[in-house]
PDB file of N, CA and C in Angstrom:
ATOM      1  N   UNK A   1     114.940  69.836 106.912  1.00  0.00           N
ATOM      2  CA  UNK A   1     113.877  70.822 106.928  1.00  0.00           C
ATOM      3  C   UNK A   1     112.784  70.391 107.891  1.00  0.00           C
ATOM      4  N   UNK A   2     112.134  71.365 108.481  1.00  0.00           N
ATOM      5  CA  UNK A   2     111.044  71.078 109.408  1.00  0.00           C
ATOM      6  C   UNK A   2     109.776  70.760 108.630  1.00  0.00           C
ATOM      7  N   UNK A   3     109.008  69.858 109.127  1.00  0.00           N
ATOM      8  CA  UNK A   3     107.756  69.495 108.472  1.00  0.00           C
ATOM      9  C   UNK A   3     106.586  70.152 109.184  1.00  0.00           C
ATOM     10  N   UNK A   4     105.476  70.257 108.491  1.00  0.00           N
ATOM     11  CA  UNK A   4     104.209  70.782 109.000  1.00  0.00           C
ATOM     12  C   UNK A   4     104.292  72.235 109.480  1.00  0.00           C
ATOM     13  N   UNK A   5     105.104  73.075 108.817  1.00  0.00           N
ATOM     14  CA  UNK A   5     105.149  74.489 109.186  1.00  0.00           C
ATOM     15  C   UNK A   5     104.494  75.368 108.116  1.00  0.00           C
ATOM     16  N   UNK A   6     104.214  74.782 106.959  1.00  0.00           N
ATOM     17  CA  UNK A   6     103.616  75.554 105.870  1.00  0.00           C
ATOM     18  C   UNK A   6     102.089  75.432 105.919  1.00  0.00           C
ATOM     19  N   UNK A   7     101.369  76.496 105.490  1.00  0.00           N
ATOM     20  CA  UNK A   7      99.904  76.414 105.479  1.00  0.00           C
ATOM     21  C   UNK A   7      99.427  75.465 104.378  1.00  0.00           C
ATOM     22  N   UNK A   8      98.188  75.023 104.514  1.00  0.00           N
ATOM     23  CA  UNK A   8      97.603  74.125 103.522  1.00  0.00           C
ATOM     24  C   UNK A   8      97.353  74.906 102.233  1.00  0.00           C
ATOM     25  N   UNK A   9      97.690  74.307 101.098  1.00  0.00           N
ATOM     26  CA  UNK A   9      97.537  74.944  99.797  1.00  0.00           C
ATOM     27  C   UNK A   9      96.367  74.303  99.062  1.00  0.00           C
ATOM     28  N   UNK A  10      95.452  75.140  98.590  1.00  0.00           N
ATOM     29  CA  UNK A  10      94.287  74.665  97.852  1.00  0.00           C
ATOM     30  C   UNK A  10      94.508  74.934  96.367  1.00  0.00           C
ATOM     31  N   UNK A  11      94.502  73.889  95.558  1.00  0.00           N
ATOM     32  CA  UNK A  11      94.702  74.025  94.110  1.00  0.00           C
ATOM     33  C   UNK A  11      93.521  74.717  93.437  1.00  0.00           C
ATOM     34  N   UNK A  12      92.312  74.451  93.911  1.00  0.00           N
ATOM     35  CA  UNK A  12      91.098  74.988  93.283  1.00  0.00           C
ATOM     36  C   UNK A  12      90.355  75.910  94.243  1.00  0.00           C
ATOM     37  N   UNK A  13      91.006  76.978  94.650  1.00  0.00           N
ATOM     38  CA  UNK A  13      90.365  77.954  95.536  1.00  0.00           C
ATOM     39  C   UNK A  13      89.408  78.810  94.711  1.00  0.00           C
ATOM     40  N   UNK A  14      88.226  79.059  95.242  1.00  0.00           N
ATOM     41  CA  UNK A  14      87.212  79.846  94.546  1.00  0.00           C
ATOM     42  C   UNK A  14      87.374  81.334  94.888  1.00  0.00           C
ATOM     43  N   UNK A  15      87.419  82.173  93.855  1.00  0.00           N
ATOM     44  CA  UNK A  15      87.437  83.621  94.028  1.00  0.00           C
ATOM     45  C   UNK A  15      86.066  84.128  93.607  1.00  0.00           C
ATOM     46  N   UNK A  16      85.379  84.837  94.509  1.00  0.00           N
ATOM     47  CA  UNK A  16      84.026  85.326  94.251  1.00  0.00           C
ATOM     48  C   UNK A  16      84.055  86.848  94.287  1.00  0.00           C
ATOM     49  N   UNK A  17      83.639  87.450  93.181  1.00  0.00           N
ATOM     50  CA  UNK A  17      83.620  88.916  93.075  1.00  0.00           C
ATOM     51  C   UNK A  17      82.259  89.446  93.513  1.00  0.00           C
ATOM     52  N   UNK A  18      82.195  90.727  93.842  1.00  0.00           N
ATOM     53  CA  UNK A  18      80.942  91.363  94.229  1.00  0.00           C
ATOM     54  C   UNK A  18      79.956  91.416  93.059  1.00  0.00           C
ATOM     55  N   UNK A  19      80.456  91.388  91.827  1.00  0.00           N
ATOM     56  CA  UNK A  19      79.576  91.419  90.658  1.00  0.00           C
ATOM     57  C   UNK A  19      78.995  90.047  90.339  1.00  0.00           C
ATOM     58  N   UNK A  20      79.490  89.004  91.007  1.00  0.00           N
ATOM     59  CA  UNK A  20      78.972  87.660  90.787  1.00  0.00           C
ATOM     60  C   UNK A  20      79.900  86.771  89.988  1.00  0.00           C
ATOM     61  N   UNK A  21      80.966  87.305  89.459  1.00  0.00           N
ATOM     62  CA  UNK A  21      81.928  86.522  88.688  1.00  0.00           C
ATOM     63  C   UNK A  21      82.693  85.575  89.619  1.00  0.00           C
ATOM     64  N   UNK A  22      82.918  84.352  89.149  1.00  0.00           N
ATOM     65  CA  UNK A  22      83.659  83.354  89.924  1.00  0.00           C
ATOM     66  C   UNK A  22      84.749  82.760  89.057  1.00  0.00           C
ATOM     67  N   UNK A  23      85.912  82.508  89.669  1.00  0.00           N
ATOM     68  CA  UNK A  23      86.982  81.796  88.982  1.00  0.00           C
ATOM     69  C   UNK A  23      87.837  81.089  90.016  1.00  0.00           C
ATOM     70  N   UNK A  24      88.683  80.179  89.554  1.00  0.00           N
ATOM     71  CA  UNK A  24      89.503  79.377  90.463  1.00  0.00           C
ATOM     72  C   UNK A  24      90.968  79.735  90.316  1.00  0.00           C
ATOM     73  N   UNK A  25      91.653  79.728  91.444  1.00  0.00           N
ATOM     74  CA  UNK A  25      93.098  79.965  91.502  1.00  0.00           C
ATOM     75  C   UNK A  25      93.677  79.060  92.585  1.00  0.00           C
ATOM     76  N   UNK A  26      94.978  79.049  92.700  1.00  0.00           N
ATOM     77  CA  UNK A  26      95.619  78.337  93.796  1.00  0.00           C
ATOM     78  C   UNK A  26      95.906  79.305  94.927  1.00  0.00           C
ATOM     79  N   UNK A  27      95.550  78.928  96.149  1.00  0.00           N
ATOM     80  CA  UNK A  27      95.725  79.834  97.277  1.00  0.00           C
ATOM     81  C   UNK A  27      95.749  79.053  98.583  1.00  0.00           C
ATOM     82  N   UNK A  28      96.108  79.750  99.662  1.00  0.00           N
ATOM     83  CA  UNK A  28      96.073  79.139 100.986  1.00  0.00           C
ATOM     84  C   UNK A  28      94.698  79.280 101.626  1.00  0.00           C
ATOM     85  N   UNK A  29      93.813  80.065 101.013  1.00  0.00           N
ATOM     86  CA  UNK A  29      92.431  80.184 101.470  1.00  0.00           C
ATOM     87  C   UNK A  29      91.537  79.439 100.484  1.00  0.00           C
ATOM     88  N   UNK A  30      90.501  78.807 101.002  1.00  0.00           N
ATOM     89  CA  UNK A  30      89.634  78.018 100.135  1.00  0.00           C
ATOM     90  C   UNK A  30      88.653  78.893  99.353  1.00  0.00           C
ATOM     91  N   UNK A  31      88.134  79.950  99.995  1.00  0.00           N
ATOM     92  CA  UNK A  31      87.205  80.876  99.349  1.00  0.00           C
ATOM     93  C   UNK A  31      87.716  82.302  99.585  1.00  0.00           C
ATOM     94  N   UNK A  32      87.798  83.084  98.506  1.00  0.00           N
ATOM     95  CA  UNK A  32      88.289  84.455  98.585  1.00  0.00           C
ATOM     96  C   UNK A  32      87.205  85.374  98.026  1.00  0.00           C
ATOM     97  N   UNK A  33      86.807  86.393  98.788  1.00  0.00           N
ATOM     98  CA  UNK A  33      85.816  87.376  98.343  1.00  0.00           C
ATOM     99  C   UNK A  33      86.553  88.660  97.971  1.00  0.00           C
ATOM    100  N   UNK A  34      86.268  89.191  96.773  1.00  0.00           N
ATOM    101  CA  UNK A  34      86.902  90.425  96.296  1.00  0.00           C
ATOM    102  C   UNK A  34      85.825  91.413  95.858  1.00  0.00           C
ATOM    103  N   UNK A  35      86.216  92.696  95.715  1.00  0.00           N
ATOM    104  CA  UNK A  35      85.279  93.731  95.306  1.00  0.00           C
ATOM    105  C   UNK A  35      85.306  93.979  93.803  1.00  0.00           C
ATOM    106  N   UNK A  36      86.466  93.825  93.166  1.00  0.00           N
ATOM    107  CA  UNK A  36      86.614  94.100  91.741  1.00  0.00           C
ATOM    108  C   UNK A  36      87.326  92.949  91.052  1.00  0.00           C
ATOM    109  N   UNK A  37      86.936  92.681  89.808  1.00  0.00           N
ATOM    110  CA  UNK A  37      87.628  91.674  89.004  1.00  0.00           C
ATOM    111  C   UNK A  37      87.763  92.232  87.586  1.00  0.00           C
ATOM    112  N   UNK A  38      88.267  91.428  86.669  1.00  0.00           N
ATOM    113  CA  UNK A  38      88.451  91.912  85.303  1.00  0.00           C
ATOM    114  C   UNK A  38      87.121  92.095  84.566  1.00  0.00           C
ATOM    115  N   UNK A  39      86.035  91.556  85.076  1.00  0.00           N
ATOM    116  CA  UNK A  39      84.724  91.712  84.434  1.00  0.00           C
ATOM    117  C   UNK A  39      84.040  93.018  84.839  1.00  0.00           C
ATOM    118  N   UNK A  40      84.391  93.564  86.007  1.00  0.00           N
ATOM    119  CA  UNK A  40      83.688  94.763  86.474  1.00  0.00           C
ATOM    120  C   UNK A  40      84.610  95.955  86.736  1.00  0.00           C
ATOM    121  N   UNK A  41      85.919  95.817  86.608  1.00  0.00           N
ATOM    122  CA  UNK A  41      86.833  96.933  86.854  1.00  0.00           C
ATOM    123  C   UNK A  41      86.729  97.955  85.721  1.00  0.00           C
ATOM    124  N   UNK A  42      86.675  99.251  86.038  1.00  0.00           N
ATOM    125  CA  UNK A  42      86.517 100.285  85.011  1.00  0.00           C
ATOM    126  C   UNK A  42      87.634 100.287  83.960  1.00  0.00           C
ATOM    127  N   UNK A  43      88.836  99.900  84.321  1.00  0.00           N
ATOM    128  CA  UNK A  43      89.933  99.890  83.362  1.00  0.00           C
ATOM    129  C   UNK A  43      89.677  98.877  82.253  1.00  0.00           C
ATOM    130  N   UNK A  44      89.152  97.725  82.613  1.00  0.00           N
ATOM    131  CA  UNK A  44      88.923  96.666  81.633  1.00  0.00           C
ATOM    132  C   UNK A  44      87.599  96.825  80.894  1.00  0.00           C
ATOM    133  N   UNK A  45      86.596  97.407  81.517  1.00  0.00           N
ATOM    134  CA  UNK A  45      85.283  97.541  80.882  1.00  0.00           C
ATOM    135  C   UNK A  45      85.175  98.794  80.034  1.00  0.00           C
ATOM    136  N   UNK A  46      86.008  99.788  80.277  1.00  0.00           N
ATOM    137  CA  UNK A  46      85.952 101.032  79.515  1.00  0.00           C
ATOM    138  C   UNK A  46      84.943 102.028  80.066  1.00  0.00           C
ATOM    139  N   UNK A  47      84.236 101.697  81.120  1.00  0.00           N
ATOM    140  CA  UNK A  47      83.284 102.612  81.732  1.00  0.00           C
ATOM    141  C   UNK A  47      84.022 103.598  82.614  1.00  0.00           C
ATOM    142  N   UNK A  48      83.426 104.774  82.764  1.00  0.00           N
ATOM    143  CA  UNK A  48      84.009 105.736  83.689  1.00  0.00           C
ATOM    144  C   UNK A  48      83.112 105.789  84.910  1.00  0.00           C
ATOM    145  N   UNK A  49      83.580 105.219  85.985  1.00  0.00           N
ATOM    146  CA  UNK A  49      82.851 105.266  87.245  1.00  0.00           C
ATOM    147  C   UNK A  49      83.867 105.295  88.370  1.00  0.00           C
ATOM    148  N   UNK A  50      83.419 105.757  89.505  1.00  0.00           N
ATOM    149  CA  UNK A  50      84.305 105.861  90.647  1.00  0.00           C
ATOM    150  C   UNK A  50      84.217 104.597  91.482  1.00  0.00           C
ATOM    151  N   UNK A  51      85.375 104.038  91.802  1.00  0.00           N
ATOM    152  CA  UNK A  51      85.446 102.871  92.674  1.00  0.00           C
ATOM    153  C   UNK A  51      85.877 103.395  94.030  1.00  0.00           C
ATOM    154  N   UNK A  52      84.915 103.545  94.934  1.00  0.00           N
ATOM    155  CA  UNK A  52      85.172 104.184  96.210  1.00  0.00           C
ATOM    156  C   UNK A  52      84.540 103.365  97.322  1.00  0.00           C
ATOM    157  N   UNK A  53      85.321 102.505  97.916  1.00  0.00           N
ATOM    158  CA  UNK A  53      84.769 101.658  98.974  1.00  0.00           C
ATOM    159  C   UNK A  53      84.933 102.289 100.349  1.00  0.00           C
ATOM    160  N   UNK A  54      85.832 103.235 100.495  1.00  0.00           N
ATOM    161  CA  UNK A  54      86.092 103.839 101.801  1.00  0.00           C
ATOM    162  C   UNK A  54      85.478 105.230 101.935  1.00  0.00           C
ATOM    163  N   UNK A  55      84.594 105.604 101.040  1.00  0.00           N
ATOM    164  CA  UNK A  55      83.913 106.910 101.048  1.00  0.00           C
ATOM    165  C   UNK A  55      84.897 108.065 101.013  1.00  0.00           C
ATOM    166  N   UNK A  56      85.963 107.909 100.275  1.00  0.00           N
ATOM    167  CA  UNK A  56      86.977 108.967 100.195  1.00  0.00           C
ATOM    168  C   UNK A  56      86.460 110.184  99.443  1.00  0.00           C
ATOM    169  N   UNK A  57      85.632 109.941  98.435  1.00  0.00           N
ATOM    170  CA  UNK A  57      85.113 111.051  97.645  1.00  0.00           C
ATOM    171  C   UNK A  57      84.213 111.928  98.503  1.00  0.00           C
ATOM    172  N   UNK A  58      83.338 111.322  99.291  1.00  0.00           N
ATOM    173  CA  UNK A  58      82.442 112.093 100.154  1.00  0.00           C
ATOM    174  C   UNK A  58      83.238 112.869 101.204  1.00  0.00           C
ATOM    175  N   UNK A  59      84.267 112.247 101.768  1.00  0.00           N
ATOM    176  CA  UNK A  59      85.097 112.943 102.762  1.00  0.00           C
ATOM    177  C   UNK A  59      85.781 114.150 102.134  1.00  0.00           C
ATOM    178  N   UNK A  60      86.291 113.980 100.910  1.00  0.00           N
ATOM    179  CA  UNK A  60      86.958 115.081 100.221  1.00  0.00           C
ATOM    180  C   UNK A  60      85.973 116.207  99.929  1.00  0.00           C
ATOM    181  N   UNK A  61      84.753 115.872  99.490  1.00  0.00           N
ATOM    182  CA  UNK A  61      83.754 116.892  99.208  1.00  0.00           C
ATOM    183  C   UNK A  61      83.347 117.633 100.473  1.00  0.00           C
ATOM    184  N   UNK A  62      83.261 116.932 101.609  1.00  0.00           N
ATOM    185  CA  UNK A  62      82.946 117.591 102.876  1.00  0.00           C
ATOM    186  C   UNK A  62      84.060 118.543 103.285  1.00  0.00           C
ATOM    187  N   UNK A  63      85.313 118.149 103.066  1.00  0.00           N
ATOM    188  CA  UNK A  63      86.436 119.034 103.381  1.00  0.00           C
ATOM    189  C   UNK A  63      86.397 120.275 102.514  1.00  0.00           C
ATOM    190  N   UNK A  64      86.083 120.121 101.226  1.00  0.00           N
ATOM    191  CA  UNK A  64      85.986 121.275 100.336  1.00  0.00           C
ATOM    192  C   UNK A  64      84.872 122.214 100.779  1.00  0.00           C
ATOM    193  N   UNK A  65      83.736 121.659 101.190  1.00  0.00           N
ATOM    194  CA  UNK A  65      82.610 122.473 101.644  1.00  0.00           C
ATOM    195  C   UNK A  65      82.988 123.256 102.897  1.00  0.00           C
ATOM    196  N   UNK A  66      83.653 122.603 103.851  1.00  0.00           N
ATOM    197  CA  UNK A  66      84.079 123.265 105.075  1.00  0.00           C
ATOM    198  C   UNK A  66      85.082 124.369 104.774  1.00  0.00           C
ATOM    199  N   UNK A  67      85.999 124.103 103.865  1.00  0.00           N
ATOM    200  CA  UNK A  67      86.999 125.108 103.500  1.00  0.00           C
ATOM    201  C   UNK A  67      86.332 126.308 102.838  1.00  0.00           C
ATOM    202  N   UNK A  68      85.348 126.063 101.983  1.00  0.00           N
ATOM    203  CA  UNK A  68      84.653 127.165 101.324  1.00  0.00           C
ATOM    204  C   UNK A  68      83.902 128.014 102.344  1.00  0.00           C
ATOM    205  N   UNK A  69      83.270 127.382 103.326  1.00  0.00           N
ATOM    206  CA  UNK A  69      82.574 128.136 104.377  1.00  0.00           C
ATOM    207  C   UNK A  69      83.558 128.964 105.190  1.00  0.00           C
ATOM    208  N   UNK A  70      84.712 128.379 105.481  1.00  0.00           N
ATOM    209  CA  UNK A  70      85.723 129.094 106.264  1.00  0.00           C
ATOM    210  C   UNK A  70      86.233 130.321 105.509  1.00  0.00           C
ATOM    211  N   UNK A  71      86.505 130.161 104.217  1.00  0.00           N
ATOM    212  CA  UNK A  71      86.995 131.305 103.447  1.00  0.00           C
ATOM    213  C   UNK A  71      85.916 132.372 103.318  1.00  0.00           C
ATOM    214  N   UNK A  72      84.648 131.954 103.203  1.00  0.00           N
ATOM    215  CA  UNK A  72      83.562 132.934 103.123  1.00  0.00           C
ATOM    216  C   UNK A  72      83.472 133.732 104.421  1.00  0.00           C
ATOM    217  N   UNK A  73      83.609 133.065 105.561  1.00  0.00           N
ATOM    218  CA  UNK A  73      83.597 133.765 106.846  1.00  0.00           C
ATOM    219  C   UNK A  73      84.759 134.737 106.949  1.00  0.00           C
ATOM    220  N   UNK A  74      85.925 134.311 106.493  1.00  0.00           N
ATOM    221  CA  UNK A  74      87.113 135.150 106.567  1.00  0.00           C
ATOM    222  C   UNK A  74      86.956 136.389 105.689  1.00  0.00           C
ATOM    223  N   UNK A  75      86.416 136.206 104.496  1.00  0.00           N
ATOM    224  CA  UNK A  75      86.193 137.341 103.589  1.00  0.00           C
ATOM    225  C   UNK A  75      85.183 138.306 104.197  1.00  0.00           C
ATOM    226  N   UNK A  76      84.103 137.776 104.775  1.00  0.00           N
ATOM    227  CA  UNK A  76      83.088 138.623 105.399  1.00  0.00           C
ATOM    228  C   UNK A  76      83.675 139.403 106.561  1.00  0.00           C
ATOM    229  N   UNK A  77      84.521 138.749 107.335  1.00  0.00           N
ATOM    230  CA  UNK A  77      85.139 139.402 108.480  1.00  0.00           C
ATOM    231  C   UNK A  77      86.044 140.548 108.033  1.00  0.00           C
ATOM    232  N   UNK A  78      86.823 140.332 106.986  1.00  0.00           N
ATOM    233  CA  UNK A  78      87.706 141.399 106.499  1.00  0.00           C
ATOM    234  C   UNK A  78      86.894 142.550 105.910  1.00  0.00           C
ATOM    235  N   UNK A  79      85.783 142.238 105.223  1.00  0.00           N
ATOM    236  CA  UNK A  79      84.937 143.301 104.678  1.00  0.00           C
ATOM    237  C   UNK A  79      84.288 144.114 105.796  1.00  0.00           C
ATOM    238  N   UNK A  80      83.825 143.411 106.839  1.00  0.00           N
ATOM    239  CA  UNK A  80      83.232 144.116 107.978  1.00  0.00           C
ATOM    240  C   UNK A  80      84.266 145.020 108.649  1.00  0.00           C
ATOM    241  N   UNK A  81      85.465 144.558 108.727  1.00  0.00           N
ATOM    242  CA  UNK A  81      86.526 145.346 109.349  1.00  0.00           C
ATOM    243  C   UNK A  81      86.826 146.597 108.518  1.00  0.00           C
ATOM    244  N   UNK A  82      86.774 146.448 107.186  1.00  0.00           N
ATOM    245  CA  UNK A  82      87.024 147.590 106.312  1.00  0.00           C
ATOM    246  C   UNK A  82      85.893 148.615 106.418  1.00  0.00           C
ATOM    247  N   UNK A  83      84.662 148.107 106.531  1.00  0.00           N
ATOM    248  CA  UNK A  83      83.512 149.014 106.600  1.00  0.00           C
ATOM    249  C   UNK A  83      83.431 149.741 107.935  1.00  0.00           C
ATOM    250  N   UNK A  84      83.978 149.147 108.961  1.00  0.00           N
ATOM    251  CA  UNK A  84      83.933 149.752 110.279  1.00  0.00           C
ATOM    252  C   UNK A  84      84.757 151.043 110.256  1.00  0.00           C
ATOM    253  N   UNK A  85      84.232 152.020 110.880  1.00  0.00           N
ATOM    254  CA  UNK A  85      84.916 153.311 110.894  1.00  0.00           C
ATOM    255  C   UNK A  85      86.162 153.196 111.761  1.00  0.00           C
ATOM    256  N   UNK A  86      87.312 153.339 111.169  1.00  0.00           N
ATOM    257  CA  UNK A  86      88.574 153.199 111.897  1.00  0.00           C
ATOM    258  C   UNK A  86      89.250 154.539 112.155  1.00  0.00           C
ATOM    259  N   UNK A  87      88.627 155.627 111.727  1.00  0.00           N
ATOM    260  CA  UNK A  87      89.234 156.937 111.980  1.00  0.00           C
ATOM    261  C   UNK A  87      89.070 157.297 113.452  1.00  0.00           C
ATOM    262  N   UNK A  88      90.030 157.982 114.028  1.00  0.00           N
ATOM    263  CA  UNK A  88      89.921 158.351 115.440  1.00  0.00           C
ATOM    264  C   UNK A  88      88.795 159.370 115.655  1.00  0.00           C
ATOM    265  N   UNK A  89      88.057 159.154 116.726  1.00  0.00           N
ATOM    266  CA  UNK A  89      86.936 160.036 117.030  1.00  0.00           C
ATOM    267  C   UNK A  89      87.410 161.192 117.912  1.00  0.00           C
ATOM    268  N   UNK A  90      86.685 162.249 117.789  1.00  0.00           N
ATOM    269  CA  UNK A  90      86.982 163.401 118.640  1.00  0.00           C
ATOM    270  C   UNK A  90      86.341 163.165 119.994  1.00  0.00           C
ATOM    271  N   UNK A  91      86.727 163.967 120.967  1.00  0.00           N
ATOM    272  CA  UNK A  91      86.173 163.854 122.312  1.00  0.00           C
ATOM    273  C   UNK A  91      84.670 164.111 122.299  1.00  0.00           C
ATOM    274  N   UNK A  92      84.249 165.059 121.497  1.00  0.00           N
ATOM    275  CA  UNK A  92      82.826 165.376 121.408  1.00  0.00           C
ATOM    276  C   UNK A  92      82.032 164.167 120.872  1.00  0.00           C
ATOM    277  N   UNK A  93      82.553 163.477 119.809  1.00  0.00           N
ATOM    278  CA  UNK A  93      81.871 162.313 119.217  1.00  0.00           C
ATOM    279  C   UNK A  93      81.797 161.162 120.226  1.00  0.00           C
ATOM    280  N   UNK A  94      82.857 160.966 120.998  1.00  0.00           N
ATOM    281  CA  UNK A  94      82.835 159.916 121.995  1.00  0.00           C
ATOM    282  C   UNK A  94      81.808 160.196 123.078  1.00  0.00           C
ATOM    283  N   UNK A  95      81.718 161.446 123.517  1.00  0.00           N
ATOM    284  CA  UNK A  95      80.740 161.793 124.550  1.00  0.00           C
ATOM    285  C   UNK A  95      79.312 161.716 124.014  1.00  0.00           C
ATOM    286  N   UNK A  96      79.095 162.012 122.761  1.00  0.00           N
ATOM    287  CA  UNK A  96      77.773 161.956 122.146  1.00  0.00           C
ATOM    288  C   UNK A  96      77.312 160.502 121.983  1.00  0.00           C
ATOM    289  N   UNK A  97      78.232 159.582 121.780  1.00  0.00           N
ATOM    290  CA  UNK A  97      77.849 158.179 121.606  1.00  0.00           C
ATOM    291  C   UNK A  97      77.459 157.516 122.899  1.00  0.00           C
ATOM    292  N   UNK A  98      77.846 158.073 124.048  1.00  0.00           N
ATOM    293  CA  UNK A  98      77.507 157.518 125.351  1.00  0.00           C
ATOM    294  C   UNK A  98      76.039 157.734 125.640  1.00  0.00           C
ATOM    295  N   UNK A  99      75.475 158.856 125.277  1.00  0.00           N
ATOM    296  CA  UNK A  99      74.079 159.174 125.597  1.00  0.00           C
ATOM    297  C   UNK A  99      73.139 158.372 124.815  1.00  0.00           C
TER     298      UNK A  99
END
């Protein structure tokens, strides 16, 4: 077997959570930073909160808002089209509208 090809293994690597919780594990990194742990994760704490680090909720809400505006424009356009007089005009009506 070849020697010196494996990374260094740390028996007491520190894991640091965003909530301040710290614990030790074995890892190839000496210090590991995480966003959630068993002390602050909603599943373990029983709290109902959104864990959204990539702003996915805001992006989804913006898409919904844009879609609602688009459908409102489409509905208004169809209503305007219905209200517009679509009956054929007589020659007299066309000549009267020019003046």
